[in-house]
Protein backbone atom coordinates (compact mmCIF):
# COMPACT_ATOMS: atom_id res chain seq x y z
CA MET A 1 -23.77 7.13 -18.30
CA ALA A 2 -22.43 6.03 -14.93
CA THR A 3 -22.19 3.01 -12.69
CA TRP A 4 -23.28 3.19 -9.08
CA THR A 5 -21.99 0.75 -6.42
CA CYS A 6 -23.73 -0.30 -3.24
CA THR A 7 -21.20 0.49 -0.45
CA LEU A 8 -22.55 -2.35 1.62
CA CYS A 9 -22.35 -5.35 -0.65
CA GLY A 10 -20.69 -4.12 -3.91
CA TRP A 11 -23.65 -4.66 -6.25
CA GLU A 12 -23.53 -2.34 -9.22
CA TYR A 13 -26.31 -0.48 -11.03
CA ASN A 14 -25.16 0.39 -14.56
CA GLU A 15 -27.19 3.17 -16.12
CA ASP A 16 -26.35 1.87 -19.59
CA GLU A 17 -27.89 -1.45 -18.87
CA GLY A 18 -30.71 -0.62 -16.53
CA TYR A 19 -32.17 -3.32 -14.27
CA GLU A 20 -35.40 -5.31 -14.38
CA ASP A 21 -38.25 -2.71 -14.49
CA PHE A 22 -35.80 0.08 -15.38
CA ALA A 23 -34.95 0.49 -19.02
CA PRO A 24 -31.45 0.88 -20.33
CA GLY A 25 -30.40 4.48 -20.07
CA THR A 26 -32.34 5.06 -16.76
CA LYS A 27 -30.27 7.39 -14.58
CA PHE A 28 -29.67 6.45 -11.01
CA GLU A 29 -31.20 9.70 -9.80
CA ASP A 30 -34.38 8.88 -11.78
CA LEU A 31 -34.89 5.62 -9.84
CA PRO A 32 -37.71 5.81 -7.18
CA GLU A 33 -36.62 7.19 -3.79
CA ASP A 34 -37.57 3.85 -2.23
CA PHE A 35 -35.21 1.86 -4.53
CA GLU A 36 -33.28 -0.76 -2.65
CA CYS A 37 -30.29 -2.76 -3.50
CA PRO A 38 -31.63 -6.09 -4.82
CA VAL A 39 -28.87 -8.04 -2.99
CA CYS A 40 -28.70 -6.58 0.53
CA GLY A 41 -31.70 -4.09 0.71
CA ALA A 42 -29.52 -1.00 1.13
CA SER A 43 -31.12 2.36 0.34
CA LYS A 44 -30.17 4.74 -2.49
CA GLU A 45 -28.21 6.70 0.02
CA ASP A 46 -25.80 3.78 0.37
CA PHE A 47 -24.68 3.90 -3.25
CA GLU A 48 -21.64 5.73 -4.62
CA LYS A 49 -21.11 6.92 -8.14
CA ASN A 50 -18.12 5.32 -9.92
């Protein structure tokens, strides 16, 4: 599994851990298209895979 980092604020989405409504193991590409960074509101397009 991978970690994705918001290029605007540095918040990380860890696929192993999930986040709130997204269960551990949820891949970043499986998040809704309208997913936004919970810290700064950046779109999925503003994330980079680590």
